[in-house]
Amino acid sequence: VEEAVNPELLSDEERVLRLLKQNGGRMKQASIVSETGWSNAKVSQLLSKMDDDGEIEKLRIGRENLITLPGVDPTALD
């Protein structure tokens, strides 16, 4: 059972990972921006750092980034 944690107490990285888990392991970068209310620049920087650290994977699709948890097939259909 996932405990209800106050999102304010989570680190930015934890919030992103949590959002991804709630969305089947993948989200568009724009969705992360709208869900968190953070600026696109902040999200972009954060995701680049997380990608470098191997916490997420970024895939460029056309004009947007698809963000996935490692091991999630970005092309898999729901």
N, C-alpha and C. Protein backbone atom coordinates (compact mmCIF):
# COMPACT_ATOMS: atom_id res chain seq x y z
N VAL A 1 0.85 -1.18 0.00
CA VAL A 1 0.00 0.00 0.00
C VAL A 1 0.89 1.24 0.00
N GLU A 2 0.67 2.10 -0.95
CA GLU A 2 1.48 3.31 -1.03
C GLU A 2 0.98 4.31 -0.01
N GLU A 3 1.89 4.81 0.78
CA GLU A 3 1.50 5.76 1.82
C GLU A 3 1.25 7.12 1.21
N ALA A 4 0.31 7.84 1.77
CA ALA A 4 0.07 9.20 1.32
C ALA A 4 1.15 10.08 1.93
N VAL A 5 1.99 10.62 1.06
CA VAL A 5 3.05 11.49 1.53
C VAL A 5 2.74 12.89 1.04
N ASN A 6 2.96 13.85 1.89
CA ASN A 6 2.77 15.24 1.49
C ASN A 6 3.77 15.54 0.37
N PRO A 7 3.30 15.89 -0.83
CA PRO A 7 4.21 16.13 -1.95
C PRO A 7 5.25 17.20 -1.63
N GLU A 8 4.91 18.10 -0.72
CA GLU A 8 5.87 19.16 -0.36
C GLU A 8 7.11 18.59 0.32
N LEU A 9 6.98 17.40 0.90
CA LEU A 9 8.11 16.81 1.62
C LEU A 9 9.01 15.99 0.71
N LEU A 10 8.57 15.76 -0.51
CA LEU A 10 9.36 14.97 -1.43
C LEU A 10 10.38 15.85 -2.14
N SER A 11 11.51 15.26 -2.50
CA SER A 11 12.47 16.00 -3.32
C SER A 11 11.86 16.13 -4.72
N ASP A 12 12.40 17.05 -5.51
CA ASP A 12 11.91 17.23 -6.87
C ASP A 12 12.01 15.92 -7.66
N GLU A 13 13.15 15.23 -7.49
CA GLU A 13 13.33 13.97 -8.21
C GLU A 13 12.27 12.95 -7.80
N GLU A 14 12.01 12.88 -6.49
CA GLU A 14 11.00 11.93 -6.01
C GLU A 14 9.62 12.24 -6.58
N ARG A 15 9.32 13.52 -6.68
CA ARG A 15 8.01 13.90 -7.23
C ARG A 15 7.88 13.45 -8.67
N VAL A 16 8.95 13.63 -9.45
CA VAL A 16 8.92 13.20 -10.84
C VAL A 16 8.78 11.69 -10.95
N LEU A 17 9.56 10.96 -10.15
CA LEU A 17 9.50 9.49 -10.19
C LEU A 17 8.12 9.00 -9.78
N ARG A 18 7.53 9.67 -8.80
CA ARG A 18 6.20 9.30 -8.33
C ARG A 18 5.14 9.52 -9.41
N LEU A 19 5.24 10.67 -10.09
CA LEU A 19 4.33 10.96 -11.20
C LEU A 19 4.45 9.90 -12.29
N LEU A 20 5.69 9.55 -12.61
CA LEU A 20 5.91 8.54 -13.64
C LEU A 20 5.27 7.21 -13.24
N LYS A 21 5.48 6.82 -11.99
CA LYS A 21 4.90 5.55 -11.52
C LYS A 21 3.38 5.58 -11.61
N GLN A 22 2.80 6.73 -11.29
CA GLN A 22 1.33 6.86 -11.32
C GLN A 22 0.80 6.85 -12.76
N ASN A 23 1.68 7.10 -13.72
CA ASN A 23 1.26 7.18 -15.12
C ASN A 23 1.84 6.04 -15.96
N GLY A 24 2.02 4.90 -15.33
CA GLY A 24 2.46 3.71 -16.07
C GLY A 24 3.91 3.74 -16.49
N GLY A 25 4.70 4.64 -15.87
CA GLY A 25 6.13 4.64 -16.15
C GLY A 25 6.55 5.54 -17.28
N ARG A 26 5.60 6.28 -17.87
CA ARG A 26 6.01 7.21 -18.93
C ARG A 26 5.07 8.40 -19.02
N MET A 27 5.66 9.53 -19.33
CA MET A 27 4.91 10.78 -19.45
C MET A 27 5.63 11.68 -20.43
N LYS A 28 4.87 12.57 -21.05
CA LYS A 28 5.51 13.60 -21.85
C LYS A 28 6.06 14.65 -20.90
N GLN A 29 7.16 15.28 -21.31
CA GLN A 29 7.76 16.31 -20.47
C GLN A 29 6.75 17.43 -20.18
N ALA A 30 5.94 17.78 -21.17
CA ALA A 30 4.95 18.85 -20.98
C ALA A 30 3.94 18.48 -19.89
N SER A 31 3.62 17.18 -19.78
CA SER A 31 2.68 16.73 -18.75
C SER A 31 3.30 16.88 -17.37
N ILE A 32 4.60 16.63 -17.27
CA ILE A 32 5.29 16.79 -15.99
C ILE A 32 5.27 18.27 -15.59
N VAL A 33 5.49 19.14 -16.57
CA VAL A 33 5.44 20.58 -16.31
C VAL A 33 4.07 20.97 -15.78
N SER A 34 3.01 20.51 -16.44
CA SER A 34 1.67 20.92 -16.00
C SER A 34 1.27 20.29 -14.68
N GLU A 35 1.69 19.05 -14.44
CA GLU A 35 1.35 18.37 -13.18
C GLU A 35 2.05 19.01 -11.98
N THR A 36 3.30 19.42 -12.18
CA THR A 36 4.07 19.96 -11.06
C THR A 36 3.87 21.46 -10.88
N GLY A 37 3.53 22.14 -11.97
CA GLY A 37 3.42 23.59 -11.92
C GLY A 37 4.78 24.29 -11.97
N TRP A 38 5.83 23.50 -12.22
CA TRP A 38 7.17 24.08 -12.33
C TRP A 38 7.35 24.66 -13.72
N SER A 39 8.36 25.53 -13.86
CA SER A 39 8.65 26.09 -15.19
C SER A 39 9.24 25.00 -16.08
N ASN A 40 9.08 25.21 -17.38
CA ASN A 40 9.64 24.26 -18.34
C ASN A 40 11.15 24.17 -18.18
N ALA A 41 11.79 25.32 -17.90
CA ALA A 41 13.24 25.33 -17.73
C ALA A 41 13.67 24.47 -16.54
N LYS A 42 12.94 24.60 -15.44
CA LYS A 42 13.27 23.82 -14.24
C LYS A 42 13.10 22.33 -14.51
N VAL A 43 11.98 21.97 -15.14
CA VAL A 43 11.71 20.56 -15.43
C VAL A 43 12.78 20.01 -16.38
N SER A 44 13.11 20.80 -17.38
CA SER A 44 14.10 20.37 -18.36
C SER A 44 15.46 20.11 -17.70
N GLN A 45 15.88 21.03 -16.83
CA GLN A 45 17.15 20.85 -16.11
C GLN A 45 17.12 19.63 -15.21
N LEU A 46 16.02 19.50 -14.48
CA LEU A 46 15.87 18.39 -13.55
C LEU A 46 15.90 17.06 -14.29
N LEU A 47 15.18 16.97 -15.42
CA LEU A 47 15.12 15.73 -16.17
C LEU A 47 16.48 15.39 -16.78
N SER A 48 17.22 16.41 -17.21
CA SER A 48 18.56 16.15 -17.76
C SER A 48 19.46 15.56 -16.69
N LYS A 49 19.39 16.12 -15.49
CA LYS A 49 20.19 15.61 -14.38
C LYS A 49 19.77 14.18 -14.03
N MET A 50 18.46 13.94 -13.98
CA MET A 50 17.97 12.59 -13.65
C MET A 50 18.36 11.59 -14.73
N ASP A 51 18.36 12.05 -15.99
CA ASP A 51 18.76 11.19 -17.10
C ASP A 51 20.24 10.84 -16.96
N ASP A 52 21.06 11.83 -16.64
CA ASP A 52 22.49 11.59 -16.44
C ASP A 52 22.73 10.60 -15.30
N ASP A 53 21.89 10.69 -14.28
CA ASP A 53 22.03 9.80 -13.10
C ASP A 53 21.41 8.43 -13.33
N GLY A 54 20.76 8.24 -14.48
CA GLY A 54 20.16 6.95 -14.79
C GLY A 54 18.83 6.69 -14.09
N GLU A 55 18.22 7.76 -13.53
CA GLU A 55 16.95 7.57 -12.83
C GLU A 55 15.77 7.50 -13.80
N ILE A 56 15.92 8.17 -14.95
CA ILE A 56 14.88 8.17 -15.98
C ILE A 56 15.57 8.08 -17.33
N GLU A 57 14.75 7.89 -18.36
CA GLU A 57 15.27 7.96 -19.72
C GLU A 57 14.45 8.97 -20.50
N LYS A 58 15.16 9.78 -21.28
CA LYS A 58 14.50 10.80 -22.10
C LYS A 58 14.56 10.37 -23.55
N LEU A 59 13.43 10.42 -24.21
CA LEU A 59 13.38 10.07 -25.62
C LEU A 59 12.76 11.23 -26.37
N ARG A 60 13.46 11.70 -27.37
CA ARG A 60 12.97 12.84 -28.16
C ARG A 60 12.02 12.31 -29.22
N ILE A 61 10.78 12.80 -29.20
CA ILE A 61 9.82 12.40 -30.23
C ILE A 61 9.28 13.67 -30.86
N GLY A 62 9.70 13.92 -32.09
CA GLY A 62 9.28 15.15 -32.75
C GLY A 62 9.74 16.34 -31.95
N ARG A 63 8.79 17.15 -31.50
CA ARG A 63 9.15 18.37 -30.78
C ARG A 63 9.05 18.20 -29.28
N GLU A 64 8.77 17.00 -28.81
CA GLU A 64 8.65 16.84 -27.36
C GLU A 64 9.46 15.67 -26.84
N ASN A 65 9.69 15.69 -25.54
CA ASN A 65 10.40 14.60 -24.89
C ASN A 65 9.43 13.67 -24.21
N LEU A 66 9.66 12.37 -24.40
CA LEU A 66 8.91 11.37 -23.66
C LEU A 66 9.85 10.89 -22.56
N ILE A 67 9.36 10.93 -21.33
CA ILE A 67 10.16 10.54 -20.18
C ILE A 67 9.68 9.18 -19.70
N THR A 68 10.60 8.26 -19.52
CA THR A 68 10.21 6.94 -19.03
C THR A 68 11.09 6.51 -17.86
N LEU A 69 10.56 5.62 -17.05
CA LEU A 69 11.37 4.98 -16.02
C LEU A 69 12.26 3.98 -16.74
N PRO A 70 13.47 3.73 -16.24
CA PRO A 70 14.34 2.75 -16.90
C PRO A 70 13.63 1.40 -17.03
N GLY A 71 13.77 0.79 -18.18
CA GLY A 71 13.15 -0.52 -18.38
C GLY A 71 11.74 -0.47 -18.90
N VAL A 72 11.16 0.72 -18.99
CA VAL A 72 9.81 0.86 -19.56
C VAL A 72 9.95 1.07 -21.05
N ASP A 73 9.24 0.28 -21.82
CA ASP A 73 9.29 0.41 -23.27
C ASP A 73 8.44 1.60 -23.69
N PRO A 74 9.05 2.65 -24.21
CA PRO A 74 8.28 3.85 -24.55
C PRO A 74 7.29 3.62 -25.68
N THR A 75 7.49 2.55 -26.46
CA THR A 75 6.61 2.31 -27.60
C THR A 75 5.46 1.36 -27.25
N ALA A 76 5.49 0.78 -26.05
CA ALA A 76 4.44 -0.17 -25.67
C ALA A 76 3.10 0.54 -25.57
N LEU A 77 2.08 -0.13 -26.03
CA LEU A 77 0.74 0.45 -25.93
C LEU A 77 0.11 0.04 -24.61
N ASP A 78 -0.71 0.93 -24.08
CA ASP A 78 -1.38 0.62 -22.81
C ASP A 78 -2.38 -0.51 -23.00
